[in-house]
Amino acid sequence: MRKQAAKKMPLAPDPRFNDKLVTRFVNNVMEQGKKSIAYRIFYDSIDRVSQITGENGYEVWKKALTNVTPAVEVRSRRIGGATFQIPSEVRPDRKISLCMKWLIRFAGERNGKSMAEKLANEIVAASKGEGGAFKKKEDTHRMAEANKAFSHFRI
């Protein structure tokens, strides 16, 4: 058993928007420790978003994140030999983590030439309440709603 929880490393804000949330997003985009490439992908996609929508790309990205953020999720729990899907609220830091990972994952699954282009299209779709990441959030909420009868098993 651990004596105390692991300490969270402080994040440095990104150079362009001076926002720690952007740094967190870029860390999720990053593969094999290539942070400069991850930053380039993110900034290119934000520029593309502003070209597509005609609005501030950063604001559209923030709106997309809020649209994709889940409020509830289902967790599996074995009770009396049966496995139940029990709906539970999502912790605030996990909410952010899930929405970022969903955006990046569904952007990668899209059709497009570059990751920046795919990410830009997914961000625009999520800000409008469309796209794979938004659908994933809706499915998660629907599953939690369907299993509301088992919420009394909550830990």
Protein backbone atom coordinates (compact mmCIF):
# COMPACT_ATOMS: atom_id res chain seq x y z
CA MET A 1 0.00 0.00 0.00
CA ARG A 2 1.11 3.54 -0.75
CA LYS A 3 1.53 5.82 2.19
CA GLN A 4 0.47 8.84 0.18
CA ALA A 5 -0.83 9.68 -3.27
CA ALA A 6 1.66 10.44 -6.03
CA LYS A 7 2.38 14.14 -6.44
CA LYS A 8 1.21 15.79 -9.66
CA MET A 9 3.92 17.53 -11.65
CA PRO A 10 3.21 21.21 -12.28
CA LEU A 11 2.52 21.98 -15.95
CA ALA A 12 4.18 24.89 -17.71
CA PRO A 13 1.76 27.06 -19.73
CA ASP A 14 2.16 26.90 -23.50
CA PRO A 15 4.03 29.72 -25.30
CA ARG A 16 1.22 30.95 -27.59
CA PHE A 17 -1.93 31.02 -25.42
CA ASN A 18 -0.23 30.89 -21.99
CA ASP A 19 -2.67 28.15 -20.94
CA LYS A 20 -1.88 25.00 -18.95
CA LEU A 21 -4.86 23.21 -20.53
CA VAL A 22 -3.19 23.55 -23.95
CA THR A 23 0.01 22.00 -22.55
CA ARG A 24 -2.03 19.12 -21.16
CA PHE A 25 -3.70 18.60 -24.53
CA VAL A 26 -0.36 18.72 -26.37
CA ASN A 27 1.06 16.14 -23.94
CA ASN A 28 -1.80 13.83 -24.97
CA VAL A 29 -1.16 14.47 -28.68
CA MET A 30 2.55 13.80 -28.26
CA GLU A 31 3.99 10.47 -29.39
CA GLN A 32 7.47 9.11 -28.56
CA GLY A 33 8.40 12.27 -26.62
CA LYS A 34 8.26 14.56 -29.67
CA LYS A 35 6.73 17.61 -28.04
CA SER A 36 7.71 20.19 -30.67
CA ILE A 37 5.90 18.16 -33.34
CA ALA A 38 2.87 17.85 -31.05
CA TYR A 39 2.84 21.64 -30.56
CA ARG A 40 3.09 22.15 -34.32
CA ILE A 41 0.15 19.77 -34.90
CA PHE A 42 -1.97 21.57 -32.27
CA TYR A 43 -1.17 25.11 -33.45
CA ASP A 44 -1.72 24.18 -37.12
CA SER A 45 -5.09 22.65 -36.24
CA ILE A 46 -6.11 25.76 -34.26
CA ASP A 47 -5.17 27.93 -37.27
CA ARG A 48 -7.22 25.66 -39.56
CA VAL A 49 -10.19 25.85 -37.16
CA SER A 50 -10.11 29.65 -37.29
CA GLN A 51 -9.97 29.51 -41.12
CA ILE A 52 -12.89 27.04 -41.30
CA THR A 53 -15.17 28.77 -38.77
CA GLY A 54 -14.05 32.38 -39.12
CA GLU A 55 -13.94 32.60 -35.32
CA ASN A 56 -11.10 32.45 -32.79
CA GLY A 57 -9.73 28.89 -33.09
CA TYR A 58 -8.72 28.79 -29.42
CA GLU A 59 -12.28 29.63 -28.28
CA VAL A 60 -13.74 27.01 -30.65
CA TRP A 61 -11.32 24.44 -29.18
CA LYS A 62 -12.40 25.31 -25.64
CA LYS A 63 -16.07 24.99 -26.67
CA ALA A 64 -15.32 21.60 -28.25
CA LEU A 65 -13.71 20.44 -25.00
CA THR A 66 -16.74 21.47 -22.93
CA ASN A 67 -19.09 19.75 -25.40
CA VAL A 68 -17.14 16.48 -25.20
CA THR A 69 -16.62 16.49 -21.41
CA PRO A 70 -18.59 13.64 -19.75
CA ALA A 71 -20.48 14.10 -16.47
CA VAL A 72 -21.12 10.41 -15.70
CA GLU A 73 -19.57 7.10 -16.68
CA VAL A 74 -20.24 3.44 -15.96
CA ARG A 75 -17.86 1.33 -13.91
CA SER A 76 -17.98 -2.47 -13.77
CA ARG A 77 -18.48 -4.01 -10.34
CA ARG A 78 -18.90 -7.66 -9.43
CA ILE A 79 -21.69 -8.27 -6.95
CA GLY A 80 -22.86 -11.76 -6.04
CA GLY A 81 -21.26 -13.42 -9.06
CA ALA A 82 -22.77 -10.98 -11.57
CA THR A 83 -21.05 -7.99 -13.14
CA PHE A 84 -23.06 -4.77 -13.06
CA GLN A 85 -22.38 -1.54 -14.92
CA ILE A 86 -22.74 1.05 -12.16
CA PRO A 87 -23.11 4.73 -13.15
CA SER A 88 -20.87 7.10 -11.22
CA GLU A 89 -19.86 10.75 -11.44
CA VAL A 90 -16.54 11.51 -13.11
CA ARG A 91 -13.82 13.25 -11.09
CA PRO A 92 -12.94 16.73 -12.43
CA ASP A 93 -9.38 15.85 -13.51
CA ARG A 94 -10.62 12.63 -15.16
CA LYS A 95 -13.30 14.60 -17.06
CA ILE A 96 -10.62 16.72 -18.71
CA SER A 97 -8.44 13.70 -19.40
CA LEU A 98 -11.29 11.74 -21.01
CA CYS A 99 -12.49 14.58 -23.23
CA MET A 100 -8.96 15.28 -24.52
CA LYS A 101 -8.22 11.62 -25.20
CA TRP A 102 -11.55 11.14 -27.00
CA LEU A 103 -10.96 14.20 -29.19
CA ILE A 104 -7.47 13.01 -30.16
CA ARG A 105 -8.52 9.39 -30.70
CA PHE A 106 -11.48 10.20 -32.94
CA ALA A 107 -9.41 12.81 -34.80
CA GLY A 108 -6.86 10.09 -35.59
CA GLU A 109 -9.61 7.82 -36.93
CA ARG A 110 -10.88 10.50 -39.35
CA ASN A 111 -10.02 10.77 -43.02
CA GLY A 112 -7.54 13.48 -43.88
CA LYS A 113 -4.01 14.12 -44.99
CA SER A 114 -2.30 15.35 -41.83
CA MET A 115 -3.06 14.95 -38.13
CA ALA A 116 -3.46 18.74 -37.89
CA GLU A 117 -6.19 18.62 -40.55
CA LYS A 118 -7.96 15.67 -38.87
CA LEU A 119 -7.77 17.33 -35.44
CA ALA A 120 -9.10 20.62 -36.83
CA ASN A 121 -12.09 18.85 -38.40
CA GLU A 122 -12.82 16.93 -35.18
CA ILE A 123 -12.60 20.14 -33.11
CA VAL A 124 -15.03 21.94 -35.44
CA ALA A 125 -17.42 18.96 -35.36
CA ALA A 126 -17.24 18.69 -31.54
CA SER A 127 -17.88 22.42 -31.11
CA LYS A 128 -21.08 22.00 -33.17
CA GLY A 129 -22.14 18.94 -31.16
CA GLU A 130 -21.23 16.41 -33.85
CA GLY A 131 -18.36 14.01 -34.55
CA GLY A 132 -17.04 10.84 -32.98
CA ALA A 133 -15.90 12.32 -29.66
CA PHE A 134 -19.29 13.97 -29.03
CA LYS A 135 -21.05 10.71 -29.96
CA LYS A 136 -18.83 8.85 -27.46
CA LYS A 137 -19.91 11.26 -24.70
CA GLU A 138 -23.58 10.79 -25.65
CA ASP A 139 -23.17 6.99 -25.65
CA THR A 140 -21.50 7.12 -22.23
CA HIS A 141 -24.35 9.21 -20.82
CA ARG A 142 -26.94 6.92 -22.43
CA MET A 143 -25.27 3.84 -20.92
CA ALA A 144 -25.23 5.47 -17.47
CA GLU A 145 -28.91 6.39 -17.85
CA ALA A 146 -29.81 2.83 -18.87
CA ASN A 147 -28.01 1.39 -15.83
CA LYS A 148 -29.43 3.91 -13.35
CA ALA A 149 -31.29 1.05 -11.63
CA PHE A 150 -27.94 -0.24 -10.30
CA SER A 151 -26.80 3.11 -8.89
CA HIS A 152 -27.62 1.93 -5.34
CA PHE A 153 -24.59 -0.40 -5.61
CA ARG A 154 -22.33 2.66 -5.78
CA ILE A 155 -19.17 2.37 -3.68
